[in-house]
N, C-alpha and C. Protein backbone atom coordinates (compact mmCIF):
# COMPACT_ATOMS: atom_id res chain seq x y z
N MET A 1 48.42 34.46 96.98
CA MET A 1 48.70 33.61 97.98
C MET A 1 50.00 34.07 98.64
N GLU A 2 50.28 33.79 100.01
CA GLU A 2 51.13 34.43 100.86
C GLU A 2 52.50 33.48 100.46
N SER A 3 52.29 32.25 100.13
CA SER A 3 53.41 31.33 99.83
C SER A 3 54.26 31.91 98.54
N ASN A 4 53.52 32.47 97.53
CA ASN A 4 53.68 33.00 96.32
C ASN A 4 54.95 34.02 96.56
N LYS A 5 54.65 34.76 97.76
CA LYS A 5 55.55 36.00 97.97
C LYS A 5 56.83 35.56 98.71
N PHE A 6 56.79 34.63 99.32
CA PHE A 6 57.58 33.87 99.89
C PHE A 6 58.78 33.32 98.68
N ILE A 7 58.03 32.65 97.71
CA ILE A 7 58.92 31.96 96.60
C ILE A 7 59.63 32.91 95.86
N GLY A 8 58.67 34.06 95.48
CA GLY A 8 59.47 35.09 94.75
C GLY A 8 60.72 36.06 95.66
N ASN A 9 60.46 36.11 96.75
CA ASN A 9 61.60 36.65 97.83
C ASN A 9 62.87 35.74 97.71
N ARG A 10 62.34 34.65 98.01
CA ARG A 10 63.64 33.21 98.01
C ARG A 10 64.42 33.18 96.78
N ILE A 11 63.88 33.26 95.52
CA ILE A 11 64.37 33.27 94.21
C ILE A 11 65.40 34.60 94.20
N LYS A 12 64.97 35.62 94.64
CA LYS A 12 65.56 37.01 94.26
C LYS A 12 66.74 36.66 95.26
N SER A 13 66.63 36.43 96.55
CA SER A 13 67.78 36.48 97.41
C SER A 13 68.74 35.27 97.02
N ILE A 14 68.51 34.22 96.64
CA ILE A 14 69.43 33.04 96.07
C ILE A 14 70.25 33.63 95.01
N ARG A 15 69.23 34.14 93.90
CA ARG A 15 69.84 34.69 92.39
C ARG A 15 71.07 35.60 92.92
N GLU A 16 70.73 36.49 93.79
CA GLU A 16 71.58 37.77 94.09
C GLU A 16 72.76 37.11 95.09
N SER A 17 72.75 36.25 95.63
CA SER A 17 73.63 35.46 96.71
C SER A 17 74.64 34.99 95.69
N ARG A 18 74.18 34.40 94.48
CA ARG A 18 75.27 33.74 93.66
C ARG A 18 75.62 34.63 92.34
N LYS A 19 75.47 35.92 92.77
CA LYS A 19 75.85 37.05 91.82
C LYS A 19 75.34 36.70 90.19
N ILE A 20 74.04 36.35 90.05
CA ILE A 20 73.82 36.25 88.89
C ILE A 20 72.63 37.22 88.47
N THR A 21 72.83 37.75 87.22
CA THR A 21 71.98 39.10 86.95
C THR A 21 70.40 38.21 86.66
N ILE A 22 69.37 39.12 86.36
CA ILE A 22 68.37 38.71 85.93
C ILE A 22 68.60 38.33 84.53
N GLU A 23 69.26 38.91 83.55
CA GLU A 23 69.54 38.47 82.20
C GLU A 23 70.22 37.19 82.30
N GLU A 24 71.15 37.12 82.91
CA GLU A 24 71.77 35.94 82.77
C GLU A 24 71.25 34.75 83.26
N LEU A 25 70.05 34.80 84.29
CA LEU A 25 69.25 33.86 84.75
C LEU A 25 68.04 33.51 83.40
N ALA A 26 67.78 34.46 82.76
CA ALA A 26 66.67 34.36 81.23
C ALA A 26 67.41 33.68 80.72
N GLU A 27 68.71 34.04 80.33
CA GLU A 27 69.31 33.27 78.82
C GLU A 27 69.57 31.69 79.56
N ARG A 28 70.11 31.67 80.71
CA ARG A 28 70.66 30.03 80.91
C ARG A 28 69.21 29.37 81.26
N SER A 29 68.29 29.94 81.70
CA SER A 29 66.69 28.91 81.94
C SER A 29 65.99 28.99 80.67
N GLY A 30 66.30 29.79 79.74
CA GLY A 30 65.14 29.80 78.58
C GLY A 30 64.11 30.46 79.12
N LEU A 31 64.08 31.22 79.92
CA LEU A 31 62.68 31.91 80.32
C LEU A 31 63.10 33.51 79.83
N GLN A 32 61.83 34.12 79.64
CA GLN A 32 61.95 35.77 79.43
C GLN A 32 62.37 36.14 80.60
N THR A 33 63.10 37.33 80.29
CA THR A 33 63.15 38.19 81.59
C THR A 33 62.19 38.86 82.55
N ALA A 34 61.26 39.13 81.54
CA ALA A 34 59.87 39.64 82.18
C ALA A 34 59.01 38.75 82.91
N VAL A 35 59.36 37.53 82.60
CA VAL A 35 58.98 36.36 83.62
C VAL A 35 59.48 36.46 84.83
N ILE A 36 60.49 36.27 84.90
CA ILE A 36 61.47 36.37 86.14
C ILE A 36 61.37 37.18 86.84
N GLU A 37 61.17 38.50 86.42
CA GLU A 37 60.93 39.90 87.11
C GLU A 37 59.60 39.95 87.59
N GLU A 38 58.49 39.21 87.28
CA GLU A 38 57.16 39.03 87.78
C GLU A 38 57.10 38.35 88.91
N ILE A 39 57.84 37.08 88.85
CA ILE A 39 57.98 36.11 89.74
C ILE A 39 58.81 36.64 90.92
N GLU A 40 59.93 37.20 90.80
CA GLU A 40 60.80 37.95 92.04
C GLU A 40 59.85 39.02 92.47
N ASN A 41 59.30 39.75 91.68
CA ASN A 41 58.32 40.76 92.34
C ASN A 41 57.05 40.55 93.01
N ASN A 42 56.94 39.32 92.62
CA ASN A 42 55.61 38.72 93.15
C ASN A 42 54.23 39.41 92.68
N THR A 43 54.56 39.64 91.30
CA THR A 43 53.55 40.14 90.51
C THR A 43 52.97 39.12 89.46
N GLY A 44 53.75 37.97 89.40
CA GLY A 44 53.41 37.14 88.41
C GLY A 44 53.16 35.73 88.87
N LEU A 45 52.66 34.81 88.36
CA LEU A 45 52.45 33.31 89.15
C LEU A 45 53.32 32.67 88.56
N PRO A 46 54.39 31.89 89.14
CA PRO A 46 55.27 31.19 88.37
C PRO A 46 54.69 29.66 88.09
N SER A 47 55.18 29.05 87.13
CA SER A 47 54.53 27.65 86.68
C SER A 47 55.44 26.69 87.28
N LEU A 48 55.24 25.71 87.69
CA LEU A 48 56.03 24.71 88.25
C LEU A 48 57.42 24.48 87.29
N ALA A 49 57.11 24.44 86.06
CA ALA A 49 58.31 24.10 85.16
C ALA A 49 59.24 25.28 85.21
N SER A 50 58.56 26.46 85.11
CA SER A 50 59.63 27.76 85.53
C SER A 50 60.60 27.69 86.52
N LEU A 51 59.85 27.18 87.78
CA LEU A 51 60.54 27.24 89.07
C LEU A 51 61.53 25.96 88.87
N ILE A 52 61.46 24.88 88.35
CA ILE A 52 62.50 23.81 88.05
C ILE A 52 63.71 24.42 87.19
N LYS A 53 63.29 25.22 86.20
CA LYS A 53 64.29 25.66 85.36
C LYS A 53 65.30 26.81 85.96
N ILE A 54 64.74 27.47 87.19
CA ILE A 54 65.19 28.53 87.84
C ILE A 54 66.25 27.80 88.73
N ALA A 55 65.61 26.91 89.35
CA ALA A 55 66.42 26.32 90.56
C ALA A 55 67.70 25.34 90.01
N ARG A 56 67.54 24.92 88.60
CA ARG A 56 68.65 24.22 87.79
C ARG A 56 69.89 25.34 87.83
N VAL A 57 69.30 26.39 87.29
CA VAL A 57 70.64 27.60 86.93
C VAL A 57 71.08 27.93 88.13
N VAL A 58 69.88 28.19 89.42
CA VAL A 58 70.89 28.80 90.71
C VAL A 58 71.48 27.67 91.47
N GLY A 59 71.45 26.45 91.34
CA GLY A 59 72.08 25.39 91.55
C GLY A 59 71.26 25.02 93.02
N VAL A 60 69.94 24.92 93.06
CA VAL A 60 69.19 24.45 94.56
C VAL A 60 68.29 23.54 94.02
N ARG A 61 67.60 22.77 94.88
CA ARG A 61 66.53 21.62 94.45
C ARG A 61 65.43 22.70 94.51
N LEU A 62 64.33 22.01 93.78
CA LEU A 62 63.07 22.65 93.93
C LEU A 62 62.44 23.25 95.06
N GLY A 63 62.58 22.61 96.00
CA GLY A 63 62.02 22.53 97.69
C GLY A 63 62.50 23.79 98.18
N THR A 64 64.12 24.17 97.90
CA THR A 64 64.41 25.51 98.42
C THR A 64 63.79 26.57 98.06
N PHE A 65 62.65 26.69 97.25
CA PHE A 65 62.17 28.07 97.14
C PHE A 65 60.87 27.99 97.86
N LEU A 66 60.66 26.51 98.52
CA LEU A 66 59.12 26.68 99.06
C LEU A 66 59.08 26.34 100.69
N ASP A 67 60.67 26.40 101.06
CA ASP A 67 60.88 26.20 102.51
C ASP A 67 61.98 26.69 103.22
N ASP A 68 62.24 26.78 104.30
CA ASP A 68 63.55 26.58 105.07
C ASP A 68 63.82 25.42 105.65
N ALA A 69 64.02 24.10 105.26
CA ALA A 69 63.92 22.90 105.72
C ALA A 69 65.18 22.66 106.47
N ASP A 70 65.28 22.22 107.67
CA ASP A 70 66.35 21.74 108.37
C ASP A 70 66.27 20.30 108.98
N GLU A 71 65.00 19.67 108.78
CA GLU A 71 64.94 18.32 109.47
C GLU A 71 65.23 17.14 108.81
N ALA A 72 66.06 16.57 109.41
CA ALA A 72 67.24 15.07 108.71
C ALA A 72 66.21 14.07 108.93
N GLY A 73 65.27 14.18 109.71
CA GLY A 73 64.64 12.63 110.19
C GLY A 73 63.30 12.62 109.28
N PRO A 74 62.63 11.87 109.83
CA PRO A 74 61.31 11.87 108.96
C PRO A 74 60.34 12.74 109.35
N ILE A 75 59.55 12.98 108.30
CA ILE A 75 58.44 14.10 108.37
C ILE A 75 57.05 13.43 108.36
N ILE A 76 56.13 13.65 109.15
CA ILE A 76 54.62 13.49 109.32
C ILE A 76 53.81 14.61 108.87
N SER A 77 53.04 14.39 108.03
CA SER A 77 52.42 15.38 107.28
C SER A 77 50.93 15.06 107.79
N ARG A 78 50.08 15.81 108.74
CA ARG A 78 48.66 15.59 109.21
C ARG A 78 47.75 16.12 108.07
N LYS A 79 46.63 15.27 107.99
CA LYS A 79 45.84 15.88 107.01
C LYS A 79 45.20 17.24 107.50
N THR A 80 44.97 17.27 108.90
CA THR A 80 44.63 18.70 109.22
C THR A 80 45.65 19.62 109.25
N ALA A 81 46.57 19.63 108.68
CA ALA A 81 47.82 20.62 108.66
C ALA A 81 47.81 21.05 107.02
N HIS A 82 47.06 20.52 106.42
CA HIS A 82 47.35 21.09 104.59
C HIS A 82 46.73 22.32 104.63
N THR A 83 47.70 23.30 104.99
CA THR A 83 47.41 24.63 104.81
C THR A 83 48.58 25.33 104.03
N GLY A 84 48.61 26.74 103.86
CA GLY A 84 49.73 27.15 103.36
C GLY A 84 49.81 26.74 101.78
N ALA A 85 48.70 26.83 101.21
CA ALA A 85 48.91 26.38 99.77
C ALA A 85 49.75 27.24 99.00
N ALA A 86 50.55 26.99 97.94
CA ALA A 86 51.01 27.61 97.00
C ALA A 86 50.44 27.49 95.60
N GLY A 87 50.16 28.54 94.79
CA GLY A 87 49.53 28.81 93.56
C GLY A 87 50.71 28.65 92.32
N PHE A 88 50.37 28.03 91.30
CA PHE A 88 51.27 27.96 90.36
C PHE A 88 50.47 28.14 89.01
N ALA A 89 51.10 28.90 88.15
CA ALA A 89 50.37 29.02 86.90
C ALA A 89 50.41 27.68 85.93
N THR A 90 49.46 27.86 85.11
CA THR A 90 49.16 26.79 84.14
C THR A 90 49.94 26.68 82.89
N SER A 91 50.68 27.74 82.63
CA SER A 91 51.53 27.73 81.61
C SER A 91 52.77 28.71 81.78
N ASN A 92 53.82 28.72 80.84
CA ASN A 92 55.08 29.47 80.83
C ASN A 92 55.45 30.71 80.58
N GLY A 93 54.16 31.02 79.99
CA GLY A 93 53.95 32.56 79.58
C GLY A 93 53.33 33.71 80.26
N THR A 94 53.23 34.67 79.66
CA THR A 94 52.67 35.83 80.48
C THR A 94 51.04 35.47 80.46
N GLY A 95 50.33 36.06 81.34
CA GLY A 95 48.83 36.13 81.00
C GLY A 95 48.01 34.70 81.67
N ARG A 96 49.07 34.12 82.68
CA ARG A 96 49.01 33.03 83.20
C ARG A 96 47.74 33.19 84.30
N ARG A 97 47.04 31.84 84.22
CA ARG A 97 46.11 31.63 85.41
C ARG A 97 46.26 30.71 86.51
N ASN A 98 46.03 30.84 87.81
CA ASN A 98 45.91 29.92 88.57
C ASN A 98 44.72 28.95 88.79
N ASN A 99 44.77 27.61 88.64
CA ASN A 99 43.81 26.82 88.86
C ASN A 99 43.87 25.61 89.74
N MET A 100 45.24 25.55 90.22
CA MET A 100 45.56 24.61 91.25
C MET A 100 45.99 25.16 92.53
N ALA A 101 45.84 24.66 93.57
CA ALA A 101 46.42 25.09 94.98
C ALA A 101 47.32 23.71 95.17
N TYR A 102 48.51 23.96 95.77
CA TYR A 102 49.44 23.02 95.93
C TYR A 102 49.59 22.95 97.52
N PHE A 103 49.45 21.82 98.12
CA PHE A 103 49.63 21.82 99.56
C PHE A 103 50.99 20.82 99.74
N PRO A 104 52.37 21.41 100.13
CA PRO A 104 53.28 20.55 100.23
C PRO A 104 53.07 19.68 101.39
N LEU A 105 53.75 18.44 101.29
CA LEU A 105 53.79 17.36 102.41
C LEU A 105 54.80 17.06 103.02
N SER A 106 55.74 17.79 102.41
CA SER A 106 57.09 17.47 103.46
C SER A 106 57.95 18.64 103.37
N SER A 107 57.55 19.97 103.35
CA SER A 107 58.33 21.08 103.24
C SER A 107 59.28 21.18 104.19
N GLU A 108 59.47 20.48 105.47
CA GLU A 108 60.51 20.50 106.45
C GLU A 108 61.28 19.43 106.44
N LYS A 109 61.45 18.49 105.47
CA LYS A 109 62.54 17.49 105.29
C LYS A 109 63.45 18.42 104.51
N ALA A 110 64.63 18.05 105.10
CA ALA A 110 65.93 18.84 104.53
C ALA A 110 66.52 17.69 103.62
N GLY A 111 66.92 18.08 102.56
CA GLY A 111 68.03 17.45 101.41
C GLY A 111 66.89 16.63 100.56
N ARG A 112 65.82 16.74 100.60
CA ARG A 112 64.58 15.78 99.75
C ARG A 112 64.93 15.68 98.17
N ASN A 113 64.79 14.84 97.54
CA ASN A 113 64.88 14.58 96.27
C ASN A 113 63.49 14.75 95.53
N MET A 114 62.41 14.41 96.36
CA MET A 114 61.27 14.28 95.70
C MET A 114 60.53 15.68 96.18
N GLU A 115 59.31 15.90 95.54
CA GLU A 115 58.21 17.08 96.20
C GLU A 115 57.06 16.61 96.14
N PRO A 116 56.44 16.02 97.36
CA PRO A 116 55.24 15.40 97.32
C PRO A 116 54.11 16.48 97.68
N PHE A 117 53.14 16.47 96.80
CA PHE A 117 52.02 17.52 97.16
C PHE A 117 50.50 17.16 97.09
N VAL A 118 49.64 17.69 97.99
CA VAL A 118 48.09 17.21 97.33
C VAL A 118 47.75 18.48 96.75
N ILE A 119 47.05 18.12 95.56
CA ILE A 119 46.56 19.49 94.97
C ILE A 119 45.21 19.42 94.51
N HIS A 120 44.84 20.58 94.75
CA HIS A 120 43.15 20.78 94.57
C HIS A 120 43.16 21.51 93.05
N ILE A 121 42.45 20.74 92.11
CA ILE A 121 42.31 21.28 90.97
C ILE A 121 41.14 21.85 90.55
N GLU A 122 40.78 23.23 90.18
CA GLU A 122 39.49 23.60 89.98
C GLU A 122 39.20 23.16 88.45
N PRO A 123 37.86 23.47 88.26
CA PRO A 123 37.26 22.67 86.92
C PRO A 123 37.86 23.81 85.98
N SER A 124 37.95 23.16 84.83
CA SER A 124 38.87 23.94 83.48
C SER A 124 37.84 24.59 82.78
N ARG A 125 36.25 23.98 82.69
CA ARG A 125 35.46 24.25 81.54
C ARG A 125 35.69 24.47 80.30
N GLY A 126 36.65 23.42 79.71
CA GLY A 126 37.12 23.34 78.37
C GLY A 126 37.99 24.24 77.75
N LYS A 127 38.42 25.00 78.85
CA LYS A 127 39.61 26.12 78.39
C LYS A 127 41.04 25.39 77.61
N GLN A 128 41.70 25.93 76.75
CA GLN A 128 42.74 25.64 76.28
C GLN A 128 44.16 25.79 77.26
N PHE A 129 45.00 24.86 77.35
CA PHE A 129 46.16 24.79 78.32
C PHE A 129 47.40 24.37 77.55
N ASP A 130 48.41 25.44 77.86
CA ASP A 130 49.78 25.39 77.56
C ASP A 130 50.48 24.14 78.12
N THR A 131 51.15 23.25 77.32
CA THR A 131 51.73 22.02 78.14
C THR A 131 53.22 22.66 78.55
N SER A 132 53.88 22.16 79.39
CA SER A 132 55.42 22.48 79.86
C SER A 132 55.93 21.26 80.05
N SER A 133 57.26 21.28 80.05
CA SER A 133 58.40 20.45 79.98
C SER A 133 59.38 20.74 81.01
N HIS A 134 60.03 19.75 81.58
CA HIS A 134 61.17 20.25 82.34
C HIS A 134 61.76 18.65 82.67
N GLU A 135 63.06 18.64 83.27
CA GLU A 135 63.67 17.62 83.71
C GLU A 135 63.14 16.87 84.69
N GLY A 136 63.04 15.52 84.69
CA GLY A 136 62.63 15.03 86.03
C GLY A 136 61.50 14.03 85.80
N GLU A 137 60.85 13.63 86.53
CA GLU A 137 59.94 12.68 86.64
C GLU A 137 58.53 13.22 87.61
N GLU A 138 57.49 12.70 87.14
CA GLU A 138 56.16 12.95 88.04
C GLU A 138 55.38 11.58 88.23
N PHE A 139 54.60 11.52 89.63
CA PHE A 139 53.76 10.46 89.62
C PHE A 139 52.61 11.42 90.29
N ILE A 140 51.41 10.81 89.68
CA ILE A 140 50.05 11.67 89.93
C ILE A 140 48.98 10.40 90.10
N TYR A 141 48.34 10.58 91.38
CA TYR A 141 47.56 9.49 91.83
C TYR A 141 46.00 10.28 92.16
N CYS A 142 45.22 10.00 91.29
CA CYS A 142 43.95 10.72 91.45
C CYS A 142 43.21 10.32 92.89
N LEU A 143 42.93 11.41 93.46
CA LEU A 143 42.30 11.01 94.73
C LEU A 143 40.72 11.18 94.68
N GLU A 144 40.44 12.37 93.98
CA GLU A 144 38.76 12.57 93.86
C GLU A 144 38.76 13.18 92.70
N GLY A 145 37.48 13.08 91.75
CA GLY A 145 37.17 13.35 90.90
C GLY A 145 37.79 13.06 89.39
N VAL A 146 37.80 13.66 88.43
CA VAL A 146 38.62 12.88 86.88
C VAL A 146 39.67 14.16 86.57
N VAL A 147 40.71 13.36 86.13
CA VAL A 147 41.76 14.41 85.98
C VAL A 147 42.12 14.11 84.18
N GLU A 148 42.30 14.97 83.67
CA GLU A 148 42.60 14.81 82.43
C GLU A 148 44.31 15.05 82.08
N VAL A 149 45.13 14.34 81.82
CA VAL A 149 46.58 14.48 81.31
C VAL A 149 46.90 14.34 80.13
N THR A 150 47.36 15.59 79.60
CA THR A 150 47.87 15.55 78.24
C THR A 150 49.34 15.33 78.66
N TYR A 151 49.79 14.36 77.65
CA TYR A 151 51.38 14.02 77.46
C TYR A 151 51.55 13.51 76.24
N GLY A 152 52.53 14.50 75.49
CA GLY A 152 52.67 14.53 74.15
C GLY A 152 51.76 14.75 73.57
N ASN A 153 51.33 13.43 72.53
CA ASN A 153 50.37 13.80 71.69
C ASN A 153 49.13 13.00 71.97
N HIS A 154 49.12 12.50 73.40
CA HIS A 154 48.30 11.45 73.87
C HIS A 154 47.37 12.38 75.05
N THR A 155 46.17 11.82 75.37
CA THR A 155 45.35 12.33 76.64
C THR A 155 44.94 11.39 77.29
N TYR A 156 45.02 11.13 78.42
CA TYR A 156 44.85 10.23 79.50
C TYR A 156 43.59 10.69 80.50
N LEU A 157 42.55 9.92 81.00
CA LEU A 157 41.63 10.41 81.74
C LEU A 157 42.08 9.52 83.20
N LEU A 158 42.20 10.06 84.06
CA LEU A 158 42.15 9.42 85.50
C LEU A 158 41.02 9.75 86.57
N ASP A 159 40.75 8.49 86.91
CA ASP A 159 39.44 8.33 87.92
C ASP A 159 39.96 8.23 89.22
N ALA A 160 39.08 8.49 90.14
CA ALA A 160 39.69 8.37 91.53
C ALA A 160 40.27 6.70 91.54
N GLY A 161 41.50 6.89 92.04
CA GLY A 161 42.29 5.68 92.13
C GLY A 161 43.27 5.35 91.12
N ASP A 162 43.20 5.80 90.03
CA ASP A 162 43.98 5.68 88.93
C ASP A 162 45.20 6.67 89.25
N SER A 163 46.30 6.11 88.58
CA SER A 163 47.65 6.88 88.67
C SER A 163 48.23 6.82 87.24
N ILE A 164 49.35 7.97 87.17
CA ILE A 164 50.17 7.76 85.96
C ILE A 164 51.46 8.24 86.41
N TYR A 165 52.62 7.73 85.79
CA TYR A 165 54.19 8.05 86.17
C TYR A 165 54.69 8.19 84.70
N TYR A 166 55.27 9.28 84.75
CA TYR A 166 55.74 9.63 83.48
C TYR A 166 57.05 10.63 83.32
N ASP A 167 57.69 10.78 82.48
CA ASP A 167 59.24 11.58 82.21
C ASP A 167 58.61 12.86 81.76
N SER A 168 59.03 14.07 82.68
CA SER A 168 58.69 15.30 82.55
C SER A 168 59.24 16.18 81.40
N ILE A 169 60.03 15.47 80.95
CA ILE A 169 60.98 16.18 79.52
C ILE A 169 59.95 16.17 78.47
N VAL A 170 58.88 15.41 78.29
CA VAL A 170 57.80 15.16 77.37
C VAL A 170 56.67 16.30 77.67
N ALA A 171 56.61 17.14 76.99
CA ALA A 171 55.62 18.27 77.20
C ALA A 171 53.92 17.49 77.65
N HIS A 172 53.78 18.23 78.93
CA HIS A 172 52.84 17.55 79.55
C HIS A 172 51.62 18.75 80.23
N HIS A 173 50.51 18.54 80.47
CA HIS A 173 49.81 19.12 81.46
C HIS A 173 48.65 18.40 82.13
N VAL A 174 48.18 18.92 83.11
CA VAL A 174 47.25 18.33 84.16
C VAL A 174 46.18 19.07 84.38
N HIS A 175 44.92 18.71 84.26
CA HIS A 175 43.91 19.68 84.72
C HIS A 175 42.41 18.80 85.11
N ALA A 176 41.62 19.25 85.77
CA ALA A 176 40.23 18.65 85.99
C ALA A 176 39.62 18.47 84.79
N ALA A 177 38.87 17.54 84.70
CA ALA A 177 37.99 17.10 83.41
C ALA A 177 36.81 17.21 83.81
N GLY A 178 36.07 17.78 83.04
CA GLY A 178 34.56 18.33 83.13
C GLY A 178 34.19 19.35 83.85
N GLU A 179 33.29 19.50 84.62
CA GLU A 179 32.79 20.50 85.39
C GLU A 179 33.04 20.33 87.17
N ASN A 180 33.62 19.33 87.44
CA ASN A 180 34.03 19.38 88.93
C ASN A 180 35.50 19.47 89.22
N GLU A 181 35.49 19.82 90.55
CA GLU A 181 36.81 19.65 91.17
C GLU A 181 37.85 18.56 91.02
N ALA A 182 38.81 18.59 90.98
CA ALA A 182 39.57 17.07 91.49
C ALA A 182 40.59 17.37 92.60
N LYS A 183 41.08 16.36 92.95
CA LYS A 183 42.16 16.33 93.99
C LYS A 183 43.30 15.33 93.60
N ILE A 184 44.48 15.55 93.49
CA ILE A 184 45.44 14.48 93.30
C ILE A 184 46.58 14.57 94.34
N LEU A 185 47.37 13.42 94.37
CA LEU A 185 48.51 13.27 95.16
C LEU A 185 49.55 13.53 93.91
N ALA A 186 50.51 14.45 93.91
CA ALA A 186 51.50 14.33 92.94
C ALA A 186 52.78 14.35 93.82
N VAL A 187 53.87 13.73 93.27
CA VAL A 187 55.37 13.61 93.51
C VAL A 187 56.18 14.23 92.45
N VAL A 188 56.76 15.23 92.44
CA VAL A 188 57.77 15.48 91.56
C VAL A 188 58.97 15.19 91.93
N TYR A 189 59.88 14.85 90.71
CA TYR A 189 61.19 14.40 91.25
C TYR A 189 61.84 15.13 90.12
N THR A 190 63.06 16.16 90.68
CA THR A 190 63.67 16.91 89.58
C THR A 190 65.50 16.51 90.04
N PRO A 191 65.92 16.26 89.01
CA PRO A 191 67.57 15.85 89.15
C PRO A 191 68.16 17.28 89.90
N PHE A 192 69.10 17.15 90.42
CA PHE A 192 69.92 18.24 91.16
C PHE A 192 71.13 18.28 90.61
């Protein structure tokens, strides 16, 4: 996806402007050097947890990787404008796959503390997923389909109209349950 090329280029630019080597970023974020190189070179699909860890090390909010925001006032996101999806990986390791398309709802808003997305989730068909954890909180509202949320040692099923709010530091994973696609509204908060 084109948005992912922007993300990799943006991370590299910010890292270099702060005079942080890839090795330093890897050590301070807890990520493998190869993963960071893949993200920056646009050959690897980043996980949301990886992006959050990188943002913390380079001292920016998560949204900085997704936009060049400068609007201080309110932002309106029209349903006809849900384009420019970004894809993120479903785990922190290599060999990751994309089964989610993220449509940002506030990329023009400068200085925001929350990242709202509409996310289309392809069916998982019984595949195993790696959980991830990061600082912050997440709120998920199921718009369509059925979503399975693994949170710590528990699993929750959300039907359309159901929601879940949780601390992201606990290992978690979200995917479509069953054979059908799901759609969610997700709001991610990460402390800066």
